[in-house]
């Protein structure tokens, strides 16, 4: 059973806006691309994106365990996740922006080393684990059944759009990085959009039955 077109469109729209908002991962991809070259930036970005698969696995197993334990527990996860998303959204809305892209500061490394560094940095980030456990269930329709399979599909979709966006950032790193440095306020408005999405999703879950 595949997710519905409504789930797909709503999820991808939110995921892409969140991914392009200035953050540690995409700014690092830009910095590697600017200082090392397009190919290096794309490879590092690929590693960062594929690191999301480990979080997808943890989220899928966690949601599956909750469903087996109690549907009420799954509902509690969605409500707690909604509160967490609101907290993230408020932080983004209060952001002052000012993102800049600097040199990566990494020593000269092979493509394999850059890929592994991006993969490892994302895979062990506890904030990303918590984000996945909060974000993915918000787009799961429990009434359609097979919640774990829906969660896995959403996680893979998030990873795939991350591969595309990080790849484009790596390829166009020079132009994008220079534009961000010339327009520091742009990051603030991107944060505002992402923050509004977080708050909206969180409120939707808190007021839904």
N, C-alpha and C. Protein backbone atom coordinates (compact mmCIF):
# COMPACT_ATOMS: atom_id res chain seq x y z
N UNK A 1 0.85 -1.20 0.00
CA UNK A 1 0.00 0.00 0.00
C UNK A 1 0.88 1.24 0.00
N UNK A 2 0.72 2.05 -1.05
CA UNK A 2 1.50 3.27 -1.15
C UNK A 2 0.77 4.42 -0.48
N UNK A 3 1.54 5.44 -0.10
CA UNK A 3 0.91 6.62 0.50
C UNK A 3 0.06 7.32 -0.56
N UNK A 4 -0.91 8.10 -0.12
CA UNK A 4 -1.84 8.75 -1.03
C UNK A 4 -1.16 9.95 -1.71
N UNK A 5 -1.71 10.39 -2.85
CA UNK A 5 -1.16 11.60 -3.49
C UNK A 5 -1.20 12.81 -2.57
N UNK A 6 -2.25 12.91 -1.74
CA UNK A 6 -2.34 14.03 -0.79
C UNK A 6 -1.20 13.98 0.22
N UNK A 7 -0.92 12.78 0.73
CA UNK A 7 0.21 12.63 1.65
C UNK A 7 1.52 13.02 0.95
N UNK A 8 1.69 12.54 -0.28
CA UNK A 8 2.92 12.79 -1.03
C UNK A 8 3.16 14.28 -1.25
N UNK A 9 2.14 14.97 -1.72
CA UNK A 9 2.29 16.40 -2.03
C UNK A 9 2.53 17.21 -0.76
N UNK A 10 1.73 16.96 0.27
CA UNK A 10 1.88 17.71 1.52
C UNK A 10 3.22 17.46 2.17
N UNK A 11 3.65 16.20 2.18
CA UNK A 11 4.91 15.85 2.82
C UNK A 11 6.10 16.42 2.06
N UNK A 12 6.13 16.23 0.75
CA UNK A 12 7.26 16.72 -0.03
C UNK A 12 7.38 18.24 0.02
N UNK A 13 6.23 18.93 0.00
CA UNK A 13 6.27 20.38 0.09
C UNK A 13 6.92 20.85 1.37
N UNK A 14 6.50 20.25 2.50
CA UNK A 14 7.07 20.63 3.79
C UNK A 14 8.53 20.21 3.88
N UNK A 15 8.85 19.00 3.43
CA UNK A 15 10.21 18.50 3.54
C UNK A 15 11.19 19.34 2.74
N UNK A 16 10.80 19.74 1.54
CA UNK A 16 11.71 20.52 0.69
C UNK A 16 11.95 21.91 1.26
N UNK A 17 10.92 22.54 1.80
CA UNK A 17 11.11 23.86 2.40
C UNK A 17 12.02 23.78 3.62
N UNK A 18 11.86 22.71 4.40
CA UNK A 18 12.70 22.54 5.58
C UNK A 18 14.15 22.26 5.17
N UNK A 19 14.33 21.46 4.11
CA UNK A 19 15.68 21.09 3.68
C UNK A 19 16.46 22.28 3.13
N UNK A 20 15.78 23.18 2.41
CA UNK A 20 16.50 24.32 1.83
C UNK A 20 16.72 25.45 2.83
N UNK A 21 16.00 25.43 3.97
CA UNK A 21 16.21 26.47 4.97
C UNK A 21 17.63 26.34 5.53
N UNK A 22 18.35 27.45 5.68
CA UNK A 22 19.74 27.39 6.13
C UNK A 22 19.89 26.62 7.43
N UNK A 23 20.76 25.62 7.42
CA UNK A 23 21.02 24.80 8.59
C UNK A 23 22.42 24.22 8.49
N UNK A 24 22.87 23.51 9.52
CA UNK A 24 24.24 22.99 9.52
C UNK A 24 24.57 22.13 8.31
N UNK A 25 23.65 21.25 7.91
CA UNK A 25 23.95 20.32 6.81
C UNK A 25 24.11 21.05 5.48
N UNK A 26 23.09 21.84 5.09
CA UNK A 26 23.19 22.44 3.76
C UNK A 26 24.26 23.53 3.68
N UNK A 27 24.49 24.24 4.79
CA UNK A 27 25.57 25.23 4.78
C UNK A 27 26.93 24.55 4.67
N UNK A 28 27.07 23.36 5.27
CA UNK A 28 28.32 22.62 5.16
C UNK A 28 28.52 22.12 3.74
N UNK A 29 27.44 21.65 3.12
CA UNK A 29 27.52 21.22 1.72
C UNK A 29 28.00 22.38 0.85
N UNK A 30 27.43 23.56 1.06
CA UNK A 30 27.84 24.74 0.29
C UNK A 30 29.30 25.09 0.54
N UNK A 31 29.73 25.02 1.79
CA UNK A 31 31.10 25.40 2.10
C UNK A 31 32.10 24.42 1.49
N UNK A 32 31.77 23.13 1.52
CA UNK A 32 32.66 22.14 0.90
C UNK A 32 32.71 22.36 -0.61
N UNK A 33 31.54 22.60 -1.22
CA UNK A 33 31.51 22.83 -2.65
C UNK A 33 32.28 24.07 -3.05
N UNK A 34 32.17 25.15 -2.27
CA UNK A 34 32.87 26.40 -2.59
C UNK A 34 34.38 26.25 -2.44
N UNK A 35 34.81 25.51 -1.43
CA UNK A 35 36.25 25.44 -1.16
C UNK A 35 36.95 24.28 -1.87
N UNK A 36 36.19 23.21 -2.19
CA UNK A 36 36.81 22.03 -2.80
C UNK A 36 36.42 21.80 -4.26
N UNK A 37 35.21 22.23 -4.62
CA UNK A 37 34.74 21.97 -5.97
C UNK A 37 33.36 21.33 -5.97
N UNK A 38 32.73 21.38 -7.13
CA UNK A 38 31.37 20.87 -7.25
C UNK A 38 31.25 19.40 -6.87
N UNK A 39 32.14 18.58 -7.42
CA UNK A 39 32.02 17.14 -7.18
C UNK A 39 32.15 16.81 -5.70
N UNK A 40 33.08 17.47 -5.04
CA UNK A 40 33.27 17.22 -3.60
C UNK A 40 32.03 17.65 -2.80
N UNK A 41 31.45 18.80 -3.17
CA UNK A 41 30.25 19.25 -2.48
C UNK A 41 29.08 18.30 -2.69
N UNK A 42 28.93 17.79 -3.91
CA UNK A 42 27.85 16.86 -4.21
C UNK A 42 28.02 15.54 -3.46
N UNK A 43 29.25 15.05 -3.38
CA UNK A 43 29.51 13.79 -2.68
C UNK A 43 29.26 13.94 -1.18
N UNK A 44 29.73 15.05 -0.62
CA UNK A 44 29.48 15.29 0.81
C UNK A 44 27.98 15.41 1.07
N UNK A 45 27.25 16.11 0.19
CA UNK A 45 25.81 16.24 0.33
C UNK A 45 25.10 14.90 0.22
N UNK A 46 25.59 14.03 -0.68
CA UNK A 46 25.00 12.70 -0.81
C UNK A 46 25.13 11.92 0.49
N UNK A 47 26.29 12.03 1.11
CA UNK A 47 26.48 11.36 2.40
C UNK A 47 25.53 11.88 3.46
N UNK A 48 25.38 13.21 3.53
CA UNK A 48 24.46 13.80 4.51
C UNK A 48 23.03 13.31 4.28
N UNK A 49 22.61 13.28 3.02
CA UNK A 49 21.24 12.88 2.71
C UNK A 49 21.00 11.41 3.04
N UNK A 50 21.93 10.54 2.67
CA UNK A 50 21.75 9.11 2.92
C UNK A 50 21.81 8.77 4.41
N UNK A 51 22.42 9.66 5.19
CA UNK A 51 22.41 9.45 6.63
C UNK A 51 21.00 9.44 7.19
N UNK A 52 20.05 10.04 6.47
CA UNK A 52 18.65 10.05 6.91
C UNK A 52 18.03 8.66 6.92
N UNK A 53 18.61 7.72 6.16
CA UNK A 53 18.05 6.37 6.12
C UNK A 53 18.14 5.70 7.50
N UNK A 54 19.21 5.99 8.24
CA UNK A 54 19.32 5.41 9.58
C UNK A 54 18.23 5.95 10.49
N UNK A 55 17.89 7.22 10.35
CA UNK A 55 16.82 7.82 11.15
C UNK A 55 15.46 7.28 10.72
N UNK A 56 15.33 7.00 9.42
CA UNK A 56 14.09 6.40 8.92
C UNK A 56 13.87 5.04 9.56
N UNK A 57 14.93 4.24 9.64
CA UNK A 57 14.84 2.91 10.25
C UNK A 57 14.44 3.01 11.71
N UNK A 58 15.08 3.93 12.45
CA UNK A 58 14.76 4.09 13.87
C UNK A 58 13.32 4.56 14.05
N UNK A 59 12.88 5.51 13.21
CA UNK A 59 11.51 6.00 13.32
C UNK A 59 10.51 4.91 13.00
N UNK A 60 10.79 4.11 11.96
CA UNK A 60 9.88 3.04 11.57
C UNK A 60 9.77 1.99 12.67
N UNK A 61 10.91 1.58 13.23
CA UNK A 61 10.89 0.60 14.31
C UNK A 61 10.21 1.15 15.56
N UNK A 62 10.47 2.43 15.85
CA UNK A 62 9.86 3.04 17.03
C UNK A 62 8.36 3.14 16.91
N UNK A 63 7.89 3.58 15.74
CA UNK A 63 6.45 3.70 15.53
C UNK A 63 5.81 2.33 15.55
N UNK A 64 6.47 1.33 14.94
CA UNK A 64 5.95 -0.03 14.92
C UNK A 64 5.79 -0.58 16.34
N UNK A 65 6.81 -0.32 17.17
CA UNK A 65 6.74 -0.81 18.55
C UNK A 65 5.59 -0.15 19.31
N UNK A 66 5.38 1.14 19.07
CA UNK A 66 4.29 1.84 19.75
C UNK A 66 2.92 1.32 19.31
N UNK A 67 2.79 1.04 18.02
CA UNK A 67 1.51 0.53 17.52
C UNK A 67 1.20 -0.84 18.14
N UNK A 68 2.24 -1.69 18.22
CA UNK A 68 2.03 -3.00 18.81
C UNK A 68 1.70 -2.89 20.30
N UNK A 69 2.29 -1.90 20.96
CA UNK A 69 2.05 -1.72 22.39
C UNK A 69 0.66 -1.15 22.63
N UNK A 70 0.32 -0.09 21.89
CA UNK A 70 -0.97 0.56 22.12
C UNK A 70 -1.19 1.65 21.09
N UNK A 71 -2.34 1.65 20.41
CA UNK A 71 -2.66 2.76 19.51
C UNK A 71 -2.68 4.09 20.25
N UNK A 72 -3.03 4.04 21.56
CA UNK A 72 -3.04 5.25 22.36
C UNK A 72 -1.63 5.83 22.47
N UNK A 73 -0.63 4.93 22.56
CA UNK A 73 0.75 5.39 22.65
C UNK A 73 1.16 6.09 21.35
N UNK A 74 0.68 5.59 20.22
CA UNK A 74 0.99 6.23 18.95
C UNK A 74 0.37 7.62 18.89
N UNK A 75 -0.87 7.73 19.40
CA UNK A 75 -1.51 9.03 19.47
C UNK A 75 -0.73 9.99 20.35
N UNK A 76 -0.20 9.47 21.46
CA UNK A 76 0.59 10.30 22.35
C UNK A 76 1.87 10.78 21.67
N UNK A 77 2.48 9.88 20.86
CA UNK A 77 3.69 10.26 20.12
C UNK A 77 3.40 11.41 19.17
N UNK A 78 2.26 11.33 18.49
CA UNK A 78 1.91 12.38 17.54
C UNK A 78 1.68 13.71 18.26
N UNK A 79 1.05 13.66 19.44
CA UNK A 79 0.80 14.89 20.18
C UNK A 79 2.10 15.48 20.73
N UNK A 80 2.96 14.60 21.27
CA UNK A 80 4.25 15.07 21.75
C UNK A 80 5.09 15.61 20.60
N UNK A 81 5.01 14.92 19.46
CA UNK A 81 5.72 15.39 18.28
C UNK A 81 5.20 16.73 17.82
N UNK A 82 3.87 16.92 17.91
CA UNK A 82 3.29 18.20 17.55
C UNK A 82 3.82 19.32 18.43
N UNK A 83 3.94 19.05 19.73
CA UNK A 83 4.50 20.05 20.64
C UNK A 83 5.95 20.36 20.31
N UNK A 84 6.71 19.33 19.96
CA UNK A 84 8.12 19.53 19.61
C UNK A 84 8.25 20.36 18.34
N UNK A 85 7.39 20.09 17.36
CA UNK A 85 7.43 20.85 16.12
C UNK A 85 7.07 22.32 16.35
N UNK A 86 6.12 22.56 17.24
CA UNK A 86 5.77 23.95 17.57
C UNK A 86 6.97 24.65 18.21
N UNK A 87 7.66 23.94 19.09
CA UNK A 87 8.85 24.50 19.74
C UNK A 87 9.92 24.83 18.70
N UNK A 88 10.15 23.91 17.73
CA UNK A 88 11.10 24.18 16.67
C UNK A 88 10.65 25.37 15.82
N UNK A 89 9.35 25.42 15.54
CA UNK A 89 8.81 26.50 14.72
C UNK A 89 8.98 27.86 15.37
N UNK A 90 8.72 27.94 16.67
CA UNK A 90 8.88 29.20 17.38
C UNK A 90 10.34 29.66 17.33
N UNK A 91 11.26 28.69 17.49
CA UNK A 91 12.67 29.02 17.40
C UNK A 91 13.05 29.56 16.03
N UNK A 92 12.49 28.94 14.98
CA UNK A 92 12.77 29.40 13.62
C UNK A 92 12.16 30.77 13.36
N UNK A 93 10.95 31.00 13.88
CA UNK A 93 10.29 32.29 13.68
C UNK A 93 11.04 33.42 14.39
N UNK A 94 11.71 33.08 15.48
CA UNK A 94 12.45 34.10 16.23
C UNK A 94 13.88 34.28 15.72
N UNK A 95 14.27 33.44 14.75
CA UNK A 95 15.64 33.52 14.22
C UNK A 95 15.92 34.88 13.60
N UNK A 96 17.13 35.34 13.78
CA UNK A 96 17.55 36.61 13.19
C UNK A 96 18.25 36.42 11.85
N UNK A 97 18.34 35.16 11.40
CA UNK A 97 18.97 34.90 10.11
C UNK A 97 20.45 35.18 10.16
N UNK A 98 20.95 35.81 9.13
CA UNK A 98 22.38 36.15 9.09
C UNK A 98 23.28 34.98 8.75
N UNK A 99 22.74 33.95 8.08
CA UNK A 99 23.56 32.80 7.72
C UNK A 99 24.64 33.20 6.73
N UNK A 100 25.83 32.64 6.91
CA UNK A 100 26.94 32.89 5.99
C UNK A 100 27.58 31.55 5.66
N UNK A 101 28.19 31.50 4.47
CA UNK A 101 28.89 30.30 4.04
C UNK A 101 30.37 30.59 4.05
N UNK A 102 31.11 29.90 4.89
CA UNK A 102 32.54 30.09 5.00
C UNK A 102 33.26 28.87 4.43
N UNK A 103 34.58 28.90 4.45
CA UNK A 103 35.36 27.74 4.04
C UNK A 103 35.05 26.56 4.96
N UNK A 104 35.16 25.36 4.41
CA UNK A 104 34.75 24.18 5.17
C UNK A 104 35.66 23.89 6.35
N UNK A 105 36.92 24.26 6.26
CA UNK A 105 37.85 23.98 7.36
C UNK A 105 38.27 22.53 7.44
N UNK A 106 37.83 21.69 6.48
CA UNK A 106 38.21 20.29 6.47
C UNK A 106 39.55 20.13 5.76
N UNK A 107 40.40 19.19 6.22
CA UNK A 107 41.64 18.94 5.49
C UNK A 107 41.32 18.30 4.14
N UNK A 108 42.29 18.29 3.24
CA UNK A 108 42.08 17.67 1.94
C UNK A 108 41.76 16.18 2.13
N UNK A 109 40.63 15.75 1.58
CA UNK A 109 40.18 14.37 1.74
C UNK A 109 39.70 13.82 0.41
N UNK A 110 39.69 12.50 0.32
CA UNK A 110 39.20 11.85 -0.89
C UNK A 110 37.68 11.93 -0.94
N UNK A 111 37.11 11.61 -2.10
CA UNK A 111 35.65 11.61 -2.23
C UNK A 111 35.02 10.62 -1.26
N UNK A 112 35.65 9.46 -1.10
CA UNK A 112 35.13 8.47 -0.17
C UNK A 112 35.12 8.98 1.27
N UNK A 113 36.17 9.68 1.65
CA UNK A 113 36.24 10.23 3.00
C UNK A 113 35.19 11.31 3.21
N UNK A 114 34.98 12.15 2.20
CA UNK A 114 33.96 13.20 2.31
C UNK A 114 32.57 12.59 2.41
N UNK A 115 32.31 11.55 1.61
CA UNK A 115 31.01 10.88 1.68
C UNK A 115 30.79 10.28 3.08
N UNK A 116 31.80 9.59 3.59
CA UNK A 116 31.69 8.97 4.91
C UNK A 116 31.50 10.01 6.00
N UNK A 117 32.17 11.15 5.86
CA UNK A 117 32.05 12.20 6.87
C UNK A 117 30.65 12.77 6.89
N UNK A 118 30.07 13.01 5.70
CA UNK A 118 28.70 13.50 5.64
C UNK A 118 27.71 12.49 6.17
N UNK A 119 27.89 11.24 5.79
CA UNK A 119 27.00 10.16 6.26
C UNK A 119 27.06 10.03 7.77
N UNK A 120 28.27 10.00 8.32
CA UNK A 120 28.44 9.79 9.75
C UNK A 120 27.91 10.98 10.55
N UNK A 121 28.19 12.19 10.07
CA UNK A 121 27.75 13.39 10.79
C UNK A 121 26.24 13.45 10.92
N UNK A 122 25.53 13.06 9.87
CA UNK A 122 24.06 13.09 9.91
C UNK A 122 23.52 11.92 10.72
N UNK A 123 24.10 10.73 10.53
CA UNK A 123 23.56 9.52 11.14
C UNK A 123 23.63 9.55 12.67
N UNK A 124 24.64 10.24 13.24
CA UNK A 124 24.78 10.22 14.69
C UNK A 124 24.20 11.47 15.36
N UNK A 125 23.58 12.33 14.57
CA UNK A 125 23.03 13.58 15.13
C UNK A 125 21.74 13.30 15.89
N UNK A 126 21.73 13.41 17.22
CA UNK A 126 20.51 13.10 17.98
C UNK A 126 19.35 14.03 17.68
N UNK A 127 19.65 15.27 17.26
CA UNK A 127 18.58 16.20 16.93
C UNK A 127 17.81 15.74 15.69
N UNK A 128 18.52 15.12 14.75
CA UNK A 128 17.86 14.61 13.55
C UNK A 128 16.99 13.41 13.89
N UNK A 129 17.46 12.56 14.80
CA UNK A 129 16.66 11.42 15.26
C UNK A 129 15.34 11.92 15.85
N UNK A 130 15.43 12.89 16.72
CA UNK A 130 14.23 13.43 17.37
C UNK A 130 13.32 14.10 16.35
N UNK A 131 13.91 14.78 15.38
CA UNK A 131 13.11 15.42 14.33
C UNK A 131 12.33 14.37 13.53
N UNK A 132 12.98 13.30 13.15
CA UNK A 132 12.29 12.27 12.37
C UNK A 132 11.17 11.63 13.17
N UNK A 133 11.41 11.35 14.44
CA UNK A 133 10.37 10.75 15.28
C UNK A 133 9.18 11.69 15.46
N UNK A 134 9.42 12.99 15.33
CA UNK A 134 8.34 13.97 15.48
C UNK A 134 7.68 14.31 14.16
N UNK A 135 8.49 14.41 13.09
CA UNK A 135 7.99 14.91 11.81
C UNK A 135 7.26 13.84 10.99
N UNK A 136 7.85 12.68 10.83
CA UNK A 136 7.26 11.66 9.95
C UNK A 136 5.86 11.22 10.38
N UNK A 137 5.62 10.95 11.68
CA UNK A 137 4.27 10.49 12.06
C UNK A 137 3.17 11.51 11.79
N UNK A 138 3.53 12.78 11.63
CA UNK A 138 2.50 13.78 11.39
C UNK A 138 1.81 13.58 10.04
N UNK A 139 2.46 12.86 9.14
CA UNK A 139 1.90 12.64 7.80
C UNK A 139 1.39 11.21 7.62
N UNK A 140 1.40 10.45 8.70
CA UNK A 140 0.91 9.08 8.67
C UNK A 140 -0.60 9.07 8.93
N UNK A 141 -1.34 8.36 8.11
CA UNK A 141 -2.79 8.21 8.30
C UNK A 141 -3.05 6.85 8.93
N UNK A 142 -3.24 6.87 10.25
CA UNK A 142 -3.38 5.61 10.98
C UNK A 142 -4.58 4.80 10.50
N UNK A 143 -5.64 5.48 10.04
CA UNK A 143 -6.84 4.77 9.61
C UNK A 143 -6.60 3.94 8.35
N UNK A 144 -5.53 4.23 7.62
CA UNK A 144 -5.22 3.45 6.41
C UNK A 144 -4.46 2.18 6.74
N UNK A 145 -4.02 2.04 7.99
CA UNK A 145 -3.31 0.84 8.40
C UNK A 145 -1.86 0.83 7.96
N UNK A 146 -1.13 -0.21 8.40
CA UNK A 146 0.29 -0.38 8.05
C UNK A 146 1.08 0.90 8.27
N UNK A 147 1.01 1.40 9.49
CA UNK A 147 1.66 2.67 9.83
C UNK A 147 3.17 2.61 9.61
N UNK A 148 3.77 1.48 9.95
CA UNK A 148 5.22 1.36 9.80
C UNK A 148 5.65 1.49 8.33
N UNK A 149 4.87 0.89 7.43
CA UNK A 149 5.19 0.98 6.01
C UNK A 149 5.02 2.40 5.51
N UNK A 150 3.99 3.10 5.98
CA UNK A 150 3.83 4.49 5.61
C UNK A 150 5.01 5.33 6.10
N UNK A 151 5.44 5.07 7.34
CA UNK A 151 6.57 5.81 7.91
C UNK A 151 7.84 5.57 7.10
N UNK A 152 8.06 4.31 6.71
CA UNK A 152 9.25 3.99 5.92
C UNK A 152 9.23 4.71 4.58
N UNK A 153 8.07 4.74 3.93
CA UNK A 153 7.97 5.43 2.63
C UNK A 153 8.27 6.92 2.78
N UNK A 154 7.72 7.52 3.84
CA UNK A 154 7.96 8.95 4.05
C UNK A 154 9.43 9.22 4.31
N UNK A 155 10.08 8.35 5.09
CA UNK A 155 11.50 8.53 5.37
C UNK A 155 12.35 8.41 4.12
N UNK A 156 12.02 7.46 3.26
CA UNK A 156 12.76 7.30 2.00
C UNK A 156 12.53 8.51 1.10
N UNK A 157 11.30 9.01 1.06
CA UNK A 157 11.01 10.21 0.27
C UNK A 157 11.82 11.40 0.77
N UNK A 158 11.90 11.55 2.10
CA UNK A 158 12.68 12.65 2.67
C UNK A 158 14.14 12.51 2.24
N UNK A 159 14.66 11.29 2.28
CA UNK A 159 16.05 11.06 1.89
C UNK A 159 16.27 11.40 0.42
N UNK A 160 15.34 10.97 -0.45
CA UNK A 160 15.49 11.20 -1.89
C UNK A 160 15.45 12.69 -2.23
N UNK A 161 14.52 13.42 -1.59
CA UNK A 161 14.51 14.86 -1.88
C UNK A 161 15.76 15.53 -1.32
N UNK A 162 16.29 14.99 -0.22
CA UNK A 162 17.54 15.51 0.31
C UNK A 162 18.70 15.27 -0.64
N UNK A 163 18.73 14.08 -1.28
CA UNK A 163 19.77 13.78 -2.28
C UNK A 163 19.72 14.79 -3.42
N UNK A 164 18.51 15.07 -3.91
CA UNK A 164 18.37 16.01 -5.03
C UNK A 164 18.79 17.43 -4.63
N UNK A 165 18.25 17.90 -3.49
CA UNK A 165 18.53 19.28 -3.09
C UNK A 165 20.00 19.47 -2.70
N UNK A 166 20.55 18.54 -1.92
CA UNK A 166 21.96 18.66 -1.55
C UNK A 166 22.86 18.53 -2.77
N UNK A 167 22.45 17.68 -3.73
CA UNK A 167 23.23 17.56 -4.95
C UNK A 167 23.25 18.86 -5.73
N UNK A 168 22.09 19.51 -5.83
CA UNK A 168 22.01 20.79 -6.53
C UNK A 168 22.80 21.86 -5.78
N UNK A 169 22.72 21.84 -4.44
CA UNK A 169 23.49 22.81 -3.66
C UNK A 169 24.98 22.62 -3.88
N UNK A 170 25.42 21.35 -3.92
CA UNK A 170 26.83 21.09 -4.15
C UNK A 170 27.26 21.54 -5.54
N UNK A 171 26.41 21.28 -6.54
CA UNK A 171 26.75 21.63 -7.92
C UNK A 171 26.80 23.14 -8.13
N UNK A 172 25.83 23.83 -7.54
CA UNK A 172 25.77 25.29 -7.71
C UNK A 172 26.29 26.01 -6.46
N UNK A 173 27.18 25.36 -5.73
CA UNK A 173 27.63 25.89 -4.43
C UNK A 173 28.23 27.28 -4.53
N UNK A 174 29.01 27.52 -5.58
CA UNK A 174 29.64 28.83 -5.71
C UNK A 174 28.61 29.94 -5.84
N UNK A 175 27.65 29.76 -6.74
CA UNK A 175 26.63 30.79 -6.97
C UNK A 175 25.72 30.94 -5.76
N UNK A 176 25.25 29.80 -5.20
CA UNK A 176 24.32 29.86 -4.07
C UNK A 176 25.01 30.43 -2.84
N UNK A 177 26.24 29.95 -2.57
CA UNK A 177 26.96 30.44 -1.40
C UNK A 177 27.22 31.93 -1.47
N UNK A 178 27.61 32.42 -2.65
CA UNK A 178 27.86 33.85 -2.81
C UNK A 178 26.58 34.66 -2.63
N UNK A 179 25.47 34.12 -3.15
CA UNK A 179 24.18 34.83 -3.02
C UNK A 179 23.77 34.92 -1.55
N UNK A 180 23.94 33.83 -0.79
CA UNK A 180 23.59 33.84 0.63
C UNK A 180 24.45 34.85 1.38
N UNK A 181 25.74 34.90 1.04
CA UNK A 181 26.63 35.84 1.73
C UNK A 181 26.28 37.30 1.40
N UNK A 182 25.75 37.53 0.19
CA UNK A 182 25.36 38.88 -0.19
C UNK A 182 23.99 39.26 0.37
N UNK A 183 23.17 38.27 0.68
CA UNK A 183 21.82 38.53 1.17
C UNK A 183 21.59 37.77 2.49
N UNK A 184 22.25 38.19 3.56
CA UNK A 184 22.12 37.47 4.84
C UNK A 184 20.69 37.44 5.36
N UNK A 185 19.87 38.41 4.99
CA UNK A 185 18.49 38.42 5.47
C UNK A 185 17.63 37.34 4.83
N UNK A 186 18.10 36.75 3.71
CA UNK A 186 17.30 35.72 3.04
C UNK A 186 17.12 34.52 3.95
N UNK A 187 18.15 34.18 4.71
CA UNK A 187 18.04 33.05 5.63
C UNK A 187 16.96 33.27 6.66
N UNK A 188 16.79 34.51 7.09
CA UNK A 188 15.76 34.81 8.09
C UNK A 188 14.37 34.51 7.53
N UNK A 189 14.12 34.91 6.29
CA UNK A 189 12.80 34.68 5.71
C UNK A 189 12.56 33.21 5.41
N UNK A 190 13.61 32.48 5.05
CA UNK A 190 13.46 31.04 4.86
C UNK A 190 13.16 30.36 6.18
N UNK A 191 13.79 30.85 7.24
CA UNK A 191 13.48 30.33 8.58
C UNK A 191 12.03 30.63 8.95
N UNK A 192 11.53 31.80 8.57
CA UNK A 192 10.14 32.15 8.87
C UNK A 192 9.17 31.16 8.21
N UNK A 193 9.46 30.82 6.97
CA UNK A 193 8.59 29.88 6.25
C UNK A 193 8.64 28.50 6.90
N UNK A 194 9.84 28.02 7.18
CA UNK A 194 9.97 26.72 7.83
C UNK A 194 9.31 26.73 9.21
N UNK A 195 9.50 27.82 9.95
CA UNK A 195 8.88 27.93 11.27
C UNK A 195 7.38 27.89 11.20
N UNK A 196 6.80 28.57 10.21
CA UNK A 196 5.35 28.56 10.05
C UNK A 196 4.84 27.15 9.75
N UNK A 197 5.60 26.40 8.95
CA UNK A 197 5.22 25.01 8.65
C UNK A 197 5.24 24.18 9.91
N UNK A 198 6.31 24.29 10.70
CA UNK A 198 6.41 23.53 11.95
C UNK A 198 5.24 23.84 12.88
N UNK A 199 4.99 25.12 13.08
CA UNK A 199 3.92 25.52 14.00
C UNK A 199 2.57 25.03 13.48
N UNK A 200 2.34 25.17 12.18
CA UNK A 200 1.08 24.73 11.60
C UNK A 200 0.85 23.25 11.78
N UNK A 201 1.89 22.45 11.52
CA UNK A 201 1.76 21.00 11.70
C UNK A 201 1.52 20.65 13.16
N UNK A 202 2.25 21.31 14.03
CA UNK A 202 2.09 21.02 15.46
C UNK A 202 0.71 21.36 15.96
N UNK A 203 0.20 22.54 15.58
CA UNK A 203 -1.15 22.93 16.01
C UNK A 203 -2.21 22.01 15.45
N UNK A 204 -2.01 21.58 14.21
CA UNK A 204 -2.98 20.66 13.58
C UNK A 204 -3.11 19.40 14.42
N UNK A 205 -1.97 18.88 14.89
CA UNK A 205 -2.01 17.66 15.68
C UNK A 205 -2.60 17.90 17.08
N UNK A 206 -2.31 19.04 17.65
CA UNK A 206 -2.80 19.31 19.00
C UNK A 206 -4.30 19.51 19.05
N UNK A 207 -4.89 20.04 17.99
CA UNK A 207 -6.32 20.31 18.00
C UNK A 207 -7.14 19.20 17.35
N UNK A 208 -6.47 18.27 16.66
CA UNK A 208 -7.21 17.18 16.00
C UNK A 208 -7.61 16.13 17.03
N UNK A 209 -8.67 15.41 16.72
CA UNK A 209 -9.13 14.34 17.61
C UNK A 209 -8.52 13.00 17.21
